Amino acid sequence: MSIDNINKLYRKFDINLLPLFVLLFECGSVSQTASRLGVSASAVSQSLNKLRGYFFDPLFVRDCQTMIPTDTARHLYFLVHDDMVKLIEDIDQLLDANAIKKLVIRCSDYLCVRLFSDISDVVMSQHPKYQVIHDSAFERPESTMSFSGMTEIILGFTPCQDSSYENVKIMDEELCYICSDNHPRVKDVLTEENFQNEEYIVFYRMKNKEDEIEGFIPKSRFFSLLEYNSFITLLKTVENSECICIIPKWVLDHFKEIFSIKCIDSVQKLLPLPVYLSYQKSMASDQTIKDILRHFSTQAFAGVL
């Protein structure tokens, strides 16, 4: 094919839509196609609408829970299927033989410090052709698709709400109360009076804890304007203020010698905070994902499954 013909093809048609079309034809369902690709159903629907615009044809007609292909869709499928399968197989073989695969870990800076080394150790020791990348901007756009050669996981304090992801609780974080060493009213124990009258701040990624403890700490006592993505900044604020802070005990154990802060006992115990690992359902058979999950299931993490 000449360069001119290739340029004309790209101007007229987005060939990236063809693999999705083939899979949609075979699945007969937008939701199943989305799950197989590891994307949202809305992303599949948007791509289908583009294809319909190209061919001036509905391509698929809904019949109850099934998508029935039109004559145009059948003709297109048999036209491209064999060549598409052969192309994908050839690309996969090339990637397996030569390319360095990427494992993208989307999580907050705290969970990166907490867990990144565990994951990277597993990958580097068992899968040396992987490059491990931390992405702190872990809010995943709905239109994002993952292609061969890239694996993505998300670490967070809440399960991923995207239906194309599987969520596994990998550990529980023990929480504690802390305050400045020089707090004028709080000594070693939080009293009932402290609970009602002191002001509290919480790590940004733990905002859901406010709802859990509302029964014994008035909601109005939280500083809603102080939202910290950095636990270092949070500890420095606690050191220089009279606020009580709720934070993972791991942070206190590793940084209490650096900051003038102390742990406070209390009759009102905090429930542990679950940590979830979320991965694309389409990557469930990936050996790297299996090895990472196996690592967390066998290590001595507090409350690990």
Protein backbone atom coordinates (compact mmCIF):
# COMPACT_ATOMS: atom_id res chain seq x y z
CA MET A 1 0.00 0.00 0.00
CA SER A 2 1.40 3.39 -0.97
CA ILE A 3 1.91 6.28 1.48
CA ASP A 4 -0.82 8.27 -0.28
CA ASN A 5 -3.31 5.43 0.14
CA ILE A 6 -2.40 5.07 3.83
CA ASN A 7 -2.93 8.78 4.41
CA LYS A 8 -6.31 8.61 2.67
CA LEU A 9 -7.28 5.63 4.83
CA TYR A 10 -6.43 7.42 8.07
CA ARG A 11 -8.36 10.53 7.00
CA LYS A 12 -11.44 8.52 6.13
CA PHE A 13 -11.49 5.79 8.75
CA ASP A 14 -10.13 5.18 12.25
CA ILE A 15 -8.68 1.67 11.96
CA ASN A 16 -8.28 1.56 15.77
CA LEU A 17 -12.02 0.83 15.87
CA LEU A 18 -11.68 -2.48 14.03
CA PRO A 19 -10.44 -4.66 16.96
CA LEU A 20 -13.32 -3.36 19.07
CA PHE A 21 -15.80 -4.09 16.26
CA VAL A 22 -14.54 -7.67 15.88
CA LEU A 23 -14.85 -8.30 19.62
CA LEU A 24 -18.32 -6.70 19.76
CA PHE A 25 -19.44 -8.89 16.86
CA GLU A 26 -18.23 -12.01 18.67
CA CYS A 27 -19.58 -11.05 22.12
CA GLY A 28 -22.91 -9.65 20.96
CA SER A 29 -22.93 -7.38 24.01
CA VAL A 30 -21.58 -3.91 24.79
CA SER A 31 -21.02 -4.77 28.47
CA GLN A 32 -19.17 -8.02 27.70
CA THR A 33 -17.01 -6.25 25.13
CA ALA A 34 -16.18 -3.53 27.67
CA SER A 35 -15.25 -6.14 30.27
CA ARG A 36 -13.00 -8.01 27.82
CA LEU A 37 -11.23 -4.81 26.79
CA GLY A 38 -10.97 -3.41 30.32
CA VAL A 39 -12.88 -0.22 29.46
CA SER A 40 -16.25 1.24 30.36
CA ALA A 41 -19.45 0.40 28.47
CA SER A 42 -19.82 4.07 27.52
CA ALA A 43 -16.41 3.99 25.78
CA VAL A 44 -17.56 0.99 23.69
CA SER A 45 -20.83 2.74 22.85
CA GLN A 46 -18.97 5.85 21.70
CA SER A 47 -16.76 3.76 19.42
CA LEU A 48 -19.79 1.94 18.02
CA ASN A 49 -21.45 5.27 17.23
CA LYS A 50 -18.34 6.32 15.28
CA LEU A 51 -18.49 3.09 13.25
CA ARG A 52 -22.18 3.65 12.54
CA GLY A 53 -21.32 7.11 11.27
CA TYR A 54 -18.66 5.76 8.93
CA PHE A 55 -20.92 3.13 7.37
CA PHE A 56 -24.28 4.95 7.60
CA ASP A 57 -25.61 1.73 9.08
CA PRO A 58 -26.71 0.71 12.62
CA LEU A 59 -24.39 -2.35 12.34
CA PHE A 60 -26.08 -3.94 15.38
CA VAL A 61 -29.78 -4.04 16.27
CA ARG A 62 -30.76 -4.83 19.84
CA ASP A 63 -32.99 -7.89 20.33
CA CYS A 64 -33.72 -8.31 24.06
CA GLN A 65 -30.24 -8.69 25.61
CA THR A 66 -28.43 -9.50 22.34
CA MET A 67 -26.95 -7.29 19.64
CA ILE A 68 -27.93 -8.70 16.22
CA PRO A 69 -25.47 -7.75 13.44
CA THR A 70 -26.79 -6.24 10.21
CA ASP A 71 -25.73 -7.45 6.76
CA THR A 72 -23.15 -4.66 6.62
CA ALA A 73 -21.69 -5.75 9.96
CA ARG A 74 -21.48 -9.38 8.85
CA HIS A 75 -19.73 -8.40 5.63
CA LEU A 76 -17.25 -6.19 7.50
CA TYR A 77 -16.52 -8.89 10.09
CA PHE A 78 -15.69 -11.59 7.54
CA LEU A 79 -13.69 -9.05 5.55
CA VAL A 80 -11.33 -8.09 8.38
CA HIS A 81 -11.45 -10.91 10.95
CA ASP A 82 -8.72 -13.25 9.70
CA ASP A 83 -6.27 -10.45 8.90
CA MET A 84 -6.98 -8.78 12.27
CA VAL A 85 -6.33 -11.97 14.24
CA LYS A 86 -3.10 -12.60 12.33
CA LEU A 87 -1.93 -9.00 12.91
CA ILE A 88 -2.63 -9.15 16.65
CA GLU A 89 -0.84 -12.49 16.99
CA ASP A 90 2.20 -11.14 15.16
CA ILE A 91 2.31 -8.01 17.34
CA ASP A 92 1.95 -10.04 20.55
CA GLN A 93 4.82 -12.29 19.50
CA LEU A 94 6.97 -9.25 18.77
CA LEU A 95 6.18 -7.70 22.16
CA ASP A 96 6.84 -10.93 24.03
CA ALA A 97 10.16 -11.43 22.29
CA ASN A 98 11.61 -7.92 22.38
CA ALA A 99 9.64 -5.20 24.10
CA ILE A 100 9.83 -4.21 27.74
CA LYS A 101 6.31 -4.33 29.14
CA LYS A 102 4.95 -1.62 31.43
CA LEU A 103 3.24 -2.01 34.78
CA VAL A 104 1.53 1.26 35.70
CA ILE A 105 0.64 1.60 39.40
CA ARG A 106 -1.90 4.36 39.98
CA CYS A 107 -2.05 5.39 43.64
CA SER A 108 -1.52 8.23 46.10
CA ASP A 109 1.98 9.20 47.19
CA TYR A 110 1.34 7.58 50.59
CA LEU A 111 0.40 4.18 49.20
CA CYS A 112 3.34 4.44 46.82
CA VAL A 113 5.70 4.81 49.78
CA ARG A 114 3.83 2.09 51.66
CA LEU A 115 3.55 -0.61 49.00
CA PHE A 116 5.48 0.28 45.83
CA SER A 117 8.65 -1.53 46.90
CA ASP A 118 6.71 -4.76 47.56
CA ILE A 119 5.21 -4.71 44.08
CA SER A 120 8.43 -3.70 42.32
CA ASP A 121 10.38 -6.43 44.15
CA VAL A 122 7.93 -9.07 42.90
CA VAL A 123 8.05 -7.75 39.34
CA MET A 124 11.83 -7.29 39.13
CA SER A 125 12.58 -10.72 40.61
CA GLN A 126 10.10 -12.71 38.51
CA HIS A 127 9.37 -10.56 35.45
CA PRO A 128 12.58 -8.73 34.49
CA LYS A 129 11.15 -7.45 31.19
CA TYR A 130 8.66 -5.22 33.02
CA GLN A 131 9.13 -1.52 33.65
CA VAL A 132 7.29 -0.43 36.84
CA ILE A 133 5.84 3.11 36.74
CA HIS A 134 4.12 5.07 39.52
CA ASP A 135 1.34 7.42 38.42
CA SER A 136 0.03 9.60 41.25
CA ALA A 137 -2.75 11.00 39.02
CA PHE A 138 -4.68 7.77 39.41
CA GLU A 139 -8.15 9.01 38.43
CA ARG A 140 -8.56 6.92 35.28
CA PRO A 141 -10.35 8.55 32.29
CA GLU A 142 -13.26 6.47 31.05
CA SER A 143 -12.00 6.59 27.47
CA THR A 144 -8.63 5.04 28.34
CA MET A 145 -7.95 1.64 26.78
CA SER A 146 -5.08 -0.62 27.79
CA PHE A 147 -3.17 -2.19 24.94
CA SER A 148 -0.92 -5.22 24.73
CA GLY A 149 2.31 -4.56 26.57
CA MET A 150 0.80 -2.46 29.38
CA THR A 151 -0.69 -3.68 32.66
CA GLU A 152 -2.44 -1.32 35.04
CA ILE A 153 -3.33 -1.63 38.72
CA ILE A 154 -4.85 0.86 41.15
CA LEU A 155 -4.17 1.00 44.90
CA GLY A 156 -6.67 2.84 47.07
CA PHE A 157 -8.64 2.98 50.30
CA THR A 158 -11.89 2.35 48.41
CA PRO A 159 -12.69 -0.14 45.65
CA CYS A 160 -12.50 1.07 42.07
CA GLN A 161 -16.04 1.79 40.84
CA ASP A 162 -15.28 1.00 37.19
CA SER A 163 -17.11 -2.23 36.34
CA SER A 164 -14.21 -3.34 34.14
CA TYR A 165 -11.99 -3.70 37.23
CA GLU A 166 -11.70 -6.47 39.82
CA ASN A 167 -11.14 -5.34 43.43
CA VAL A 168 -9.14 -7.33 46.00
CA LYS A 169 -8.58 -6.22 49.60
CA ILE A 170 -4.88 -6.78 50.21
CA MET A 171 -4.46 -5.42 53.75
CA ASP A 172 -5.91 -3.40 56.64
CA GLU A 173 -4.22 -0.25 57.86
CA GLU A 174 -4.28 0.21 61.63
CA LEU A 175 -5.19 3.80 62.50
CA CYS A 176 -4.33 5.97 65.47
CA TYR A 177 -4.84 9.42 66.93
CA ILE A 178 -1.86 11.78 67.09
CA CYS A 179 -1.22 15.32 68.24
CA SER A 180 1.67 17.65 68.95
CA ASP A 181 4.00 16.72 71.82
CA ASN A 182 3.23 20.14 73.29
CA HIS A 183 -0.55 20.05 73.00
CA PRO A 184 -1.88 22.23 75.85
CA ARG A 185 -4.97 20.14 76.66
CA VAL A 186 -4.39 16.58 75.44
CA LYS A 187 -1.90 14.47 77.35
CA ASP A 188 -1.84 10.71 76.79
CA VAL A 189 -5.55 9.90 76.51
CA LEU A 190 -8.41 11.47 74.59
CA THR A 191 -11.18 12.16 77.08
CA GLU A 192 -14.88 12.57 76.35
CA GLU A 193 -14.39 16.31 76.69
CA ASN A 194 -11.58 16.21 74.12
CA PHE A 195 -13.79 14.36 71.66
CA GLN A 196 -16.41 17.08 71.83
CA ASN A 197 -14.19 20.17 71.93
CA GLU A 198 -10.97 19.54 70.02
CA GLU A 199 -10.59 20.06 66.28
CA TYR A 200 -9.58 17.26 63.94
CA ILE A 201 -7.90 16.84 60.60
CA VAL A 202 -7.67 13.71 58.49
CA PHE A 203 -5.49 12.53 55.62
CA TYR A 204 -7.16 13.48 52.31
CA ARG A 205 -7.26 9.88 51.05
CA MET A 206 -9.09 8.87 54.25
CA LYS A 207 -11.97 11.35 54.03
CA ASN A 208 -14.48 8.49 54.31
CA LYS A 209 -13.37 8.01 57.95
CA GLU A 210 -15.28 11.17 58.91
CA ASP A 211 -18.60 9.39 58.34
CA GLU A 212 -17.51 6.37 60.35
CA ILE A 213 -16.58 8.33 63.51
CA GLU A 214 -19.34 10.93 63.35
CA GLY A 215 -21.06 9.15 66.25
CA PHE A 216 -18.51 10.28 68.81
CA ILE A 217 -16.83 13.28 67.09
CA PRO A 218 -19.14 16.08 65.95
CA LYS A 219 -18.91 16.60 62.19
CA SER A 220 -18.39 20.32 62.76
CA ARG A 221 -15.10 19.65 64.54
CA PHE A 222 -13.33 18.60 61.33
CA PHE A 223 -11.30 21.13 59.37
CA SER A 224 -12.90 20.50 55.99
CA LEU A 225 -10.63 23.06 54.31
CA LEU A 226 -7.45 21.18 55.20
CA GLU A 227 -7.11 18.43 52.62
CA TYR A 228 -3.67 16.84 52.48
CA ASN A 229 -2.39 14.63 49.72
CA SER A 230 1.04 14.57 51.38
CA PHE A 231 1.34 12.88 54.76
CA ILE A 232 4.62 14.77 55.37
CA THR A 233 2.73 18.07 55.11
CA LEU A 234 0.05 16.67 57.39
CA LEU A 235 2.56 15.69 60.11
CA LYS A 236 4.18 19.11 59.99
CA THR A 237 0.77 20.76 60.40
CA VAL A 238 -0.02 18.58 63.42
CA GLU A 239 3.35 19.44 64.96
CA ASN A 240 2.65 23.18 64.69
CA SER A 241 -1.02 23.21 65.68
CA GLU A 242 -3.45 22.06 68.37
CA CYS A 243 -5.33 19.71 66.04
CA ILE A 244 -5.92 16.03 66.62
CA CYS A 245 -5.14 13.90 63.57
CA ILE A 246 -6.27 10.45 62.46
CA ILE A 247 -3.52 8.74 60.50
CA PRO A 248 -2.20 5.24 59.68
CA LYS A 249 -0.04 3.92 62.51
CA TRP A 250 2.60 2.97 59.93
CA VAL A 251 3.19 6.67 59.29
CA LEU A 252 3.65 7.37 63.00
CA ASP A 253 6.04 4.44 63.45
CA HIS A 254 8.26 5.61 60.60
CA PHE A 255 8.25 9.38 61.18
CA LYS A 256 7.70 9.99 64.90
CA GLU A 257 11.43 10.61 65.43
CA ILE A 258 11.39 13.40 62.82
CA PHE A 259 8.38 15.36 64.06
CA SER A 260 7.36 16.45 67.56
CA ILE A 261 4.20 14.36 67.62
CA LYS A 262 2.81 11.64 69.87
CA CYS A 263 0.26 8.83 69.75
CA ILE A 264 -2.82 9.27 71.94
CA ASP A 265 -4.76 6.44 73.50
CA SER A 266 -8.55 6.47 73.45
CA VAL A 267 -11.53 4.45 74.56
CA GLN A 268 -13.06 5.11 71.14
CA LYS A 269 -11.10 2.74 68.94
CA LEU A 270 -10.79 3.30 65.21
CA LEU A 271 -11.64 0.50 62.81
CA PRO A 272 -8.80 -0.42 60.45
CA LEU A 273 -8.78 1.10 56.99
CA PRO A 274 -8.90 -1.44 54.12
CA VAL A 275 -6.51 -1.09 51.20
CA TYR A 276 -7.66 -2.40 47.81
CA LEU A 277 -5.74 -3.49 44.76
CA SER A 278 -7.82 -3.09 41.60
CA TYR A 279 -6.86 -4.58 38.26
CA GLN A 280 -8.49 -4.84 34.86
CA LYS A 281 -10.62 -7.94 34.47
CA SER A 282 -9.08 -8.43 31.05
CA MET A 283 -5.71 -8.96 32.82
CA ALA A 284 -6.98 -11.65 35.23
CA SER A 285 -4.89 -14.33 33.54
CA ASP A 286 -1.74 -12.19 33.48
CA GLN A 287 1.00 -13.96 35.44
CA THR A 288 2.34 -10.67 36.84
CA ILE A 289 -1.03 -9.86 38.43
CA LYS A 290 -1.24 -13.38 39.88
CA ASP A 291 2.25 -13.11 41.39
CA ILE A 292 1.50 -9.71 42.97
CA LEU A 293 -1.73 -10.97 44.52
CA ARG A 294 0.03 -14.10 45.75
CA HIS A 295 2.70 -11.93 47.42
CA PHE A 296 0.14 -9.95 49.41
CA SER A 297 -1.81 -13.07 50.36
CA THR A 298 1.29 -14.69 51.89
CA GLN A 299 3.05 -11.71 53.50
CA ALA A 300 2.60 -10.70 57.14
CA PHE A 301 0.56 -7.56 56.50
CA ALA A 302 -1.86 -6.59 59.23
CA GLY A 303 -5.26 -7.93 58.33
CA VAL A 304 -4.22 -9.15 54.91
CA LEU A 305 -6.63 -11.56 53.24
